Protein backbone atom coordinates (compact mmCIF):
# COMPACT_ATOMS: atom_id res chain seq x y z
CA MET A 1 17.49 -84.65 12.20
CA GLY A 2 14.98 -87.30 11.42
CA ARG A 3 11.45 -86.47 12.11
CA ASN A 4 11.13 -88.32 15.35
CA ALA A 5 13.98 -86.81 16.66
CA ARG A 6 12.45 -83.03 15.92
CA ARG A 7 9.96 -84.41 17.84
CA ILE A 8 12.10 -85.93 20.81
CA ALA A 9 13.84 -82.71 21.06
CA SER A 10 11.07 -81.09 21.34
CA ALA A 11 9.14 -82.98 23.45
CA ALA A 12 12.35 -82.62 25.81
CA VAL A 13 12.31 -78.51 25.45
CA ALA A 14 8.66 -78.24 26.17
CA ALA A 15 9.05 -80.54 29.01
CA ALA A 16 11.65 -78.07 30.86
CA ILE A 17 9.35 -74.96 30.20
CA LEU A 18 6.53 -76.58 31.10
CA THR A 19 8.29 -77.50 34.15
CA THR A 20 9.09 -73.88 34.45
CA TRP A 21 5.38 -72.74 34.16
CA ALA A 22 4.07 -75.35 36.57
CA GLY A 23 6.04 -73.88 39.11
CA LEU A 24 4.75 -70.59 38.43
CA ARG A 25 1.42 -71.20 38.38
CA SER A 26 1.73 -71.72 42.10
CA THR A 27 3.69 -68.64 42.85
CA ARG A 28 1.97 -66.09 40.85
CA ALA A 29 1.64 -63.35 43.57
CA ASP A 30 5.39 -62.04 42.21
CA GLY A 31 4.31 -62.29 38.84
CA PRO A 32 2.06 -60.11 36.51
CA ARG A 33 -1.69 -60.29 37.31
CA LEU A 34 -4.77 -58.97 35.59
CA GLU A 35 -8.17 -58.87 36.96
CA ILE A 36 -10.87 -59.54 35.02
CA THR A 37 -13.86 -57.61 34.40
CA GLY A 38 -16.79 -57.52 32.76
CA SER A 39 -19.55 -60.84 32.46
CA GLY A 40 -21.58 -62.66 30.49
CA ALA A 41 -20.76 -65.60 27.88
CA ARG A 42 -17.56 -65.54 25.37
CA GLU A 43 -19.44 -64.62 21.84
CA ASP A 44 -17.65 -66.19 18.87
CA ALA A 45 -17.85 -62.05 16.58
CA SER A 46 -17.50 -63.66 13.26
CA HIS A 47 -20.82 -65.80 13.57
CA HIS A 48 -22.50 -62.19 13.38
CA ASP A 49 -20.44 -60.15 10.58
CA GLU A 50 -19.70 -60.66 6.99
CA TYR A 51 -16.13 -58.96 7.71
CA LEU A 52 -13.99 -58.09 10.60
CA VAL A 53 -12.69 -55.00 11.14
CA GLY A 54 -10.04 -54.28 13.44
CA VAL A 55 -7.56 -51.91 14.46
CA TYR A 56 -4.06 -52.17 15.82
CA TYR A 57 -4.37 -49.96 19.47
CA PHE A 58 -0.91 -48.79 20.87
CA ALA A 59 -1.38 -47.23 24.21
CA GLY A 60 2.32 -45.05 24.36
CA TRP A 61 0.26 -41.63 25.21
CA TRP A 62 0.56 -40.41 28.78
CA ARG A 63 0.93 -37.42 31.04
CA ASP A 64 4.04 -38.38 32.79
CA GLN A 65 7.36 -36.96 31.42
CA PRO A 66 9.25 -37.92 28.93
CA ASN A 67 6.84 -38.83 27.25
CA LYS A 68 5.79 -39.68 23.37
CA TRP A 69 4.59 -36.53 22.62
CA GLN A 70 8.06 -35.07 22.87
CA ARG A 71 10.66 -35.08 20.87
CA GLY A 72 14.25 -33.16 21.41
CA GLY A 73 12.80 -31.45 24.37
CA ARG A 74 9.74 -30.06 22.30
CA ASP A 75 6.26 -31.08 22.64
CA TRP A 76 5.55 -31.67 18.50
CA ARG A 77 1.64 -31.20 19.13
CA ALA A 78 2.43 -27.45 18.78
CA ASP A 79 4.09 -28.33 15.16
CA TRP A 80 1.58 -30.93 13.79
CA PRO A 81 -2.08 -29.23 15.56
CA GLN A 82 -3.72 -31.82 12.78
CA ARG A 83 -2.66 -34.98 14.44
CA VAL A 84 -4.13 -34.30 18.18
CA PRO A 85 -6.46 -36.39 19.10
CA THR A 86 -10.39 -35.61 20.09
CA LEU A 87 -11.51 -38.20 22.31
CA GLY A 88 -8.56 -37.55 24.41
CA GLU A 89 -4.92 -36.90 24.09
CA TYR A 90 -3.81 -39.46 26.91
CA ASN A 91 -4.58 -43.64 27.59
CA GLU A 92 -6.95 -42.87 30.04
CA GLN A 93 -9.92 -44.62 31.41
CA ALA A 94 -12.38 -41.66 30.08
CA THR A 95 -10.56 -41.48 26.87
CA MET A 96 -10.88 -45.35 26.25
CA ASP A 97 -14.36 -45.10 26.97
CA ARG A 98 -14.82 -42.28 24.36
CA GLU A 99 -12.48 -44.57 21.76
CA ILE A 100 -15.21 -47.51 21.85
CA VAL A 101 -18.28 -45.88 21.75
CA ALA A 102 -17.12 -43.87 18.43
CA ALA A 103 -15.17 -47.02 17.30
CA ALA A 104 -18.19 -49.46 17.61
CA ASP A 105 -20.49 -46.09 16.10
CA HIS A 106 -18.98 -46.72 12.77
CA GLY A 107 -18.32 -50.51 12.47
CA VAL A 108 -14.87 -51.57 13.89
CA ASP A 109 -15.45 -54.89 15.52
CA PHE A 110 -12.11 -55.41 17.29
CA PHE A 111 -8.92 -53.61 18.27
CA GLN A 112 -5.82 -54.87 18.54
CA ILE A 113 -4.10 -54.02 21.57
CA LEU A 114 -0.15 -54.14 21.81
CA TYR A 115 1.16 -55.42 25.01
CA TYR A 116 4.74 -54.95 25.96
CA CYS A 117 6.50 -56.90 28.14
CA ARG A 118 8.33 -55.53 30.98
CA PRO A 119 11.86 -54.79 29.65
CA ALA A 120 15.41 -56.00 31.74
CA LEU A 121 17.35 -53.50 33.03
CA VAL A 122 20.36 -51.52 31.60
CA ASN A 123 22.69 -50.10 34.49
CA GLY A 124 19.59 -50.48 36.63
CA ARG A 125 17.38 -48.57 35.08
CA SER A 126 14.50 -49.37 32.27
CA PRO A 127 15.75 -48.87 28.82
CA GLU A 128 11.92 -47.17 28.66
CA PRO A 129 10.83 -45.01 30.65
CA HIS A 130 7.86 -45.71 32.08
CA ALA A 131 7.68 -48.62 30.57
CA ASP A 132 4.73 -50.11 33.05
CA LYS A 133 2.60 -47.33 31.03
CA LEU A 134 2.24 -49.40 28.11
CA ASN A 135 -0.02 -51.88 28.55
CA ALA A 136 -3.03 -49.54 30.43
CA ALA A 137 -5.34 -50.07 26.74
CA LEU A 138 -6.03 -53.25 28.38
CA GLU A 139 -6.96 -53.19 31.76
CA GLN A 140 -8.78 -50.11 30.24
CA PHE A 141 -10.59 -51.52 27.95
CA MET A 142 -11.52 -54.75 29.99
CA ALA A 143 -13.03 -52.10 32.80
CA SER A 144 -15.01 -49.99 30.81
CA PRO A 145 -18.57 -50.09 30.80
CA HIS A 146 -18.84 -50.38 26.94
CA ALA A 147 -16.62 -53.06 26.45
CA GLY A 148 -19.82 -55.02 25.78
CA ARG A 149 -19.90 -53.16 22.79
CA MET A 150 -16.82 -54.53 20.66
CA LYS A 151 -14.01 -57.08 21.35
CA PHE A 152 -10.20 -56.44 21.61
CA THR A 153 -7.43 -59.09 21.25
CA LEU A 154 -3.71 -58.54 22.09
CA GLU A 155 -0.53 -58.85 20.72
CA THR A 156 3.08 -59.25 21.76
CA VAL A 157 5.07 -56.84 20.49
CA ASN A 158 8.60 -58.93 20.56
CA HIS A 159 11.38 -56.65 19.30
CA PRO A 160 14.34 -55.67 21.97
CA PRO A 161 14.05 -54.83 24.59
CA PHE A 162 10.27 -56.12 24.96
CA ASP A 163 11.12 -59.75 23.99
CA ALA A 164 10.73 -62.27 26.39
CA THR A 165 13.98 -63.99 26.34
CA THR A 166 13.89 -66.74 28.82
CA ASP A 167 11.40 -69.48 29.70
CA GLN A 168 10.39 -67.88 33.18
CA GLU A 169 10.06 -64.49 31.29
CA TRP A 170 8.00 -65.81 28.42
CA ALA A 171 5.39 -68.70 31.22
CA GLU A 172 5.09 -65.60 33.08
CA ALA A 173 3.92 -63.55 29.79
CA CYS A 174 1.26 -66.52 28.99
CA HIS A 175 -0.06 -67.08 32.34
CA LEU A 176 -1.23 -62.75 31.54
CA TRP A 177 -1.95 -63.42 28.50
CA ALA A 178 -4.48 -66.47 29.06
CA GLN A 179 -6.06 -64.43 32.00
CA ALA A 180 -6.85 -61.99 29.58
CA MET A 181 -9.02 -64.20 27.08
CA LYS A 182 -11.24 -65.08 29.50
CA HIS A 183 -12.94 -61.84 29.19
CA PRO A 184 -16.27 -62.27 27.48
CA SER A 185 -15.26 -59.47 24.94
CA TYR A 186 -11.96 -60.72 24.12
CA LEU A 187 -12.40 -61.64 20.18
CA ARG A 188 -12.63 -65.00 19.29
CA VAL A 189 -13.20 -66.40 15.48
CA ASP A 190 -14.23 -69.83 15.28
CA GLY A 191 -14.90 -70.13 19.22
CA ARG A 192 -10.65 -69.69 19.66
CA PRO A 193 -9.17 -66.84 21.28
CA VAL A 194 -6.67 -64.42 18.43
CA PHE A 195 -3.33 -63.92 19.47
CA LYS A 196 -0.29 -62.96 17.40
CA ILE A 197 2.86 -62.47 17.69
CA HIS A 198 4.00 -59.34 16.29
CA GLY A 199 7.27 -60.71 14.81
CA TYR A 200 8.01 -64.42 13.12
CA GLU A 201 11.39 -63.86 12.50
CA LEU A 202 11.80 -62.09 15.84
CA PHE A 203 10.24 -65.11 17.52
CA LEU A 204 12.45 -67.35 16.12
CA ARG A 205 15.48 -65.00 17.22
CA SER A 206 14.15 -64.67 20.80
CA ALA A 207 14.36 -69.03 21.36
CA GLY A 208 18.29 -68.81 19.87
CA GLY A 209 16.93 -69.46 16.46
CA ASP A 210 16.21 -72.68 17.25
CA VAL A 211 12.76 -74.55 15.83
CA GLU A 212 12.27 -76.64 18.49
CA THR A 213 12.72 -74.19 21.19
CA ALA A 214 10.23 -72.13 19.32
CA ARG A 215 7.37 -74.88 18.80
CA ALA A 216 7.92 -75.50 22.55
CA ARG A 217 7.30 -71.93 23.42
CA LEU A 218 4.00 -71.92 21.46
CA ASP A 219 2.53 -74.91 23.06
CA VAL A 220 3.55 -73.50 26.62
CA LEU A 221 0.80 -70.82 25.51
CA ARG A 222 -1.19 -73.02 24.16
CA GLN A 223 -1.22 -75.53 27.55
CA ALA A 224 -1.84 -72.00 29.38
CA VAL A 225 -4.61 -71.09 27.36
CA ARG A 226 -6.31 -74.58 28.54
CA ASP A 227 -5.48 -74.18 32.01
CA ALA A 228 -7.17 -70.90 31.92
CA GLY A 229 -10.34 -72.32 30.94
CA ALA A 230 -10.27 -70.17 27.63
CA GLY A 231 -9.81 -73.17 25.09
CA GLU A 232 -7.59 -73.60 22.05
CA VAL A 233 -5.97 -69.95 21.13
CA MET A 234 -5.50 -69.10 17.55
CA LEU A 235 -2.15 -67.88 16.83
CA SER A 236 -0.82 -65.61 14.23
CA ALA A 237 2.54 -63.86 13.61
CA GLY A 238 3.23 -60.81 11.79
CA ILE A 239 5.83 -60.92 8.63
CA LEU A 240 6.15 -58.13 6.05
CA PRO A 241 4.15 -58.37 2.88
CA GLU A 242 6.34 -59.78 0.41
CA GLN A 243 7.81 -62.75 2.54
CA LEU A 244 7.19 -66.37 1.91
CA PHE A 245 8.95 -68.62 4.76
CA PRO A 246 10.22 -72.10 4.12
CA GLY A 247 9.88 -74.89 6.68
CA GLU A 248 7.81 -76.41 9.64
CA LEU A 249 7.44 -73.01 12.11
CA PRO A 250 5.02 -71.42 10.14
CA ASN A 251 2.51 -74.40 10.50
CA GLU A 252 2.45 -73.64 13.89
CA PHE A 253 0.35 -70.46 13.21
CA ASP A 254 -3.12 -70.37 12.20
CA PHE A 255 -2.14 -67.61 9.87
CA LEU A 256 0.09 -65.01 9.41
CA THR A 257 -0.25 -60.90 9.06
CA THR A 258 1.26 -57.35 8.62
CA TYR A 259 1.68 -54.98 11.10
CA MET A 260 2.76 -52.09 8.67
CA TRP A 261 5.39 -51.74 6.18
CA MET A 262 6.67 -49.27 3.53
CA PRO A 263 8.20 -50.15 0.31
CA GLY A 264 11.63 -50.01 -0.14
CA GLY A 265 11.68 -50.75 4.08
CA GLY A 266 11.17 -47.04 4.81
CA ARG A 267 14.65 -45.86 2.86
CA VAL A 268 15.70 -42.68 4.45
CA ALA A 269 13.38 -39.92 2.87
CA SER A 270 16.63 -37.22 0.98
CA ASP A 271 20.20 -37.72 1.16
CA SER A 272 20.20 -33.91 1.36
CA GLU A 273 20.44 -31.82 4.14
CA ASP A 274 16.64 -30.86 4.47
CA SER A 275 15.28 -32.42 7.74
CA PRO A 276 12.79 -34.94 7.92
CA ARG A 277 10.48 -32.56 8.85
CA ASN A 278 11.21 -31.03 5.26
CA ALA A 279 11.65 -34.04 3.35
CA PRO A 280 9.18 -34.24 0.54
CA LEU A 281 5.69 -36.22 0.93
CA ARG A 282 5.43 -39.23 -1.48
CA PRO A 283 2.22 -40.05 -2.25
CA TYR A 284 -0.12 -42.20 -0.51
CA ALA A 285 -1.22 -44.57 -3.25
CA GLU A 286 2.03 -45.85 -3.36
CA LEU A 287 1.58 -47.67 0.75
CA ILE A 288 -1.60 -48.97 -0.57
CA ASP A 289 -0.26 -50.42 -3.65
CA TYR A 290 1.84 -52.16 -2.10
CA ALA A 291 0.30 -53.32 0.89
CA GLU A 292 -2.38 -54.60 -1.98
CA ALA A 293 0.40 -56.60 -4.04
CA GLY A 294 1.70 -58.18 -0.31
CA TRP A 295 -1.91 -59.29 -0.29
CA LYS A 296 -1.93 -61.02 -3.58
CA ILE A 297 1.76 -62.66 -2.98
CA GLN A 298 0.17 -64.11 0.36
CA ASN A 299 -3.17 -65.34 -1.53
CA ASP A 300 -1.47 -66.98 -3.95
CA LYS A 301 2.24 -68.00 -2.43
CA GLY A 302 2.12 -67.77 1.21
CA PRO A 303 2.32 -70.70 3.74
CA ARG A 304 -0.51 -69.94 6.03
CA PHE A 305 -3.59 -67.62 5.50
CA TYR A 306 -3.30 -64.09 5.43
CA VAL A 307 -4.96 -61.33 7.35
CA PRO A 308 -4.49 -58.25 5.13
CA TYR A 309 -3.65 -54.99 6.72
CA VAL A 310 -4.54 -51.55 5.12
CA PRO A 311 -2.23 -48.38 5.93
CA ALA A 312 -4.21 -45.46 7.13
CA GLY A 313 -1.01 -43.70 7.15
CA TRP A 314 2.76 -43.30 7.48
CA ASP A 315 4.46 -40.31 8.14
CA PRO A 316 6.77 -40.13 11.08
CA ARG A 317 8.10 -36.81 10.90
CA PRO A 318 7.12 -35.89 14.32
CA TRP A 319 9.02 -37.82 16.00
CA GLN A 320 12.13 -36.79 13.56
CA ASP A 321 12.09 -40.13 11.68
CA PRO A 322 14.22 -40.15 8.52
CA ARG A 323 12.59 -42.66 6.67
CA CYS A 324 10.27 -41.65 4.09
CA SER A 325 6.95 -40.09 4.90
CA TYR A 326 4.23 -40.52 2.69
CA ALA A 327 1.02 -38.09 2.97
CA MET A 328 -2.29 -38.49 4.33
CA PRO A 329 -4.86 -40.35 2.37
CA THR A 330 -7.31 -38.35 1.01
CA ARG A 331 -11.27 -39.12 1.92
CA VAL A 332 -11.59 -40.78 -1.73
CA GLU A 333 -8.18 -42.47 -1.29
CA TRP A 334 -9.21 -44.04 1.74
CA ILE A 335 -12.44 -45.22 0.77
CA ASP A 336 -10.82 -46.33 -2.50
CA ALA A 337 -8.30 -48.54 0.30
CA LEU A 338 -11.07 -49.85 1.99
CA GLN A 339 -12.81 -50.83 -0.96
CA ARG A 340 -9.77 -52.49 -1.95
CA VAL A 341 -9.23 -54.41 0.79
CA LYS A 342 -13.28 -55.57 0.62
CA ARG A 343 -12.84 -57.15 -2.85
CA ALA A 344 -9.42 -58.72 -2.30
CA LEU A 345 -11.28 -60.79 0.86
CA ASP A 346 -14.19 -61.10 -1.60
CA THR A 347 -11.86 -62.87 -4.09
CA SER A 348 -9.22 -64.32 -2.72
CA PRO A 349 -9.62 -67.18 -0.76
CA ARG A 350 -6.35 -67.65 1.53
CA LEU A 351 -7.37 -64.40 2.92
CA GLY A 352 -8.90 -64.04 6.40
CA ALA A 353 -8.54 -66.40 9.03
CA PRO A 354 -9.36 -69.71 8.74
CA LYS A 355 -12.07 -71.58 10.20
CA LYS A 356 -12.55 -75.83 11.23
CA ASP A 357 -15.09 -76.11 7.94
CA GLY A 358 -12.58 -74.97 5.98
CA SER A 359 -14.33 -71.30 5.35
CA ARG A 360 -12.93 -68.24 6.60
CA ALA A 361 -13.28 -64.88 8.73
CA LYS A 362 -13.17 -61.95 6.38
CA MET A 363 -10.58 -60.35 8.34
CA LEU A 364 -8.95 -57.48 8.00
CA LEU A 365 -6.26 -55.05 10.51
CA ILE A 366 -6.01 -51.12 9.75
CA TYR A 367 -2.46 -49.71 11.06
CA ALA A 368 -3.44 -48.12 13.38
CA TRP A 369 -5.92 -46.47 15.58
CA ASN A 370 -3.49 -44.53 17.45
CA GLU A 371 -0.02 -44.23 16.12
CA PHE A 372 -0.20 -40.51 16.65
CA GLY A 373 3.83 -40.35 15.82
CA GLU A 374 4.40 -42.53 12.86
CA GLY A 375 1.05 -41.30 11.38
CA GLY A 376 -1.04 -44.06 11.26
CA ILE A 377 -4.24 -42.85 12.52
CA VAL A 378 -8.16 -43.34 12.49
CA ALA A 379 -8.76 -41.74 16.20
CA PRO A 380 -10.44 -38.61 15.47
CA THR A 381 -8.28 -35.68 15.29
CA ARG A 382 -8.58 -31.86 15.10
CA GLY A 383 -6.87 -32.70 11.47
CA GLU A 384 -9.19 -35.00 9.61
CA GLY A 385 -12.43 -35.16 12.26
CA MET A 386 -14.07 -38.58 11.85
CA MET A 387 -12.95 -39.16 8.26
CA LYS A 388 -11.47 -42.33 8.48
CA LEU A 389 -14.36 -43.89 10.96
CA ASP A 390 -17.05 -42.46 8.73
CA ALA A 391 -15.42 -43.88 5.66
CA ILE A 392 -15.35 -47.36 7.15
CA ARG A 393 -18.96 -46.97 8.57
CA GLU A 394 -19.69 -46.59 4.45
CA VAL A 395 -17.57 -49.29 3.01
CA PHE A 396 -18.30 -51.51 5.65
CA GLY A 397 -21.79 -50.74 7.19
CA ARG A 398 -22.50 -50.05 10.62
CA ARG A 399 -22.25 -53.31 13.26
């Protein structure tokens, strides 16, 4: 297909989706709604800090059962007490309030909050019990009296069953995300609200593998943000650290990044009869070495700017995940990991979020604030205390 034909096809697909979007704007009563709280002018975070330190935030911790503190009918906190968070074990308003204060006091600039579209019912039931609670962090952050102390941004987790597969589902989600971008604490870089699609390949797959449909859906998101009065969105997408994507679709994103990955794709821990809990731990050095190698690949060969990720750990044994587990970093190892990403941002011209004037925001993303089941943990816990936050403040300085 020639370039002109592609443009015509893209325009046709976009027109169809935008027609759906236009209809939804007049019937929002039945769709997702978001109350924007907070006041004040929107600030560009990149104007104030040499580095933008972000931490992924997963709101998967609720009281109702079943919940993610349980596996195999047992509360795994009894077996892993060192992972119990000290600022609150459940995603509730008081927990968020304490977390914002602690993060802001230690140099964290923003939470990258994972957002989950409502899954389709299977035989009349949700495949994810209490799926409605997965997005509690968004409203809790916006409602917090401390929201002005740091920023937040959104990442749509688009793996099944949370992928928006129809034009209507996508348009509804775009409307909600655009409303959130009006909040004064929403993260802006170069004056633009930042938004991430969790999986690049998954996004293309949800569009039937058709580049023009995927491009048109991105256009719908851009238009929704404009209609909300939030400006021009800065788009990113998630890839594996070593992935290099040819073609035109990567050019639709301002930068690429990674949520979390591990050497060998998290190969099974052991062929023995040992349970995951008893499998030997691999050294943390392998995780950070692998991440750093990915930063270099993306800086040297990647199609777009790349925001480096830093693993705070990977040990999913509490969730009975059979993949390899790694030792949690010691304080020395964690400081070294942070210093390595800081050096990479200082010396690698294509690491970070691009600006219109050709410069870049030295942005990084840490996995994660509260992936307690998987072991990506920056939040204070019984076992580590404030160690990881203290190290962030030591390396990147207090905001």
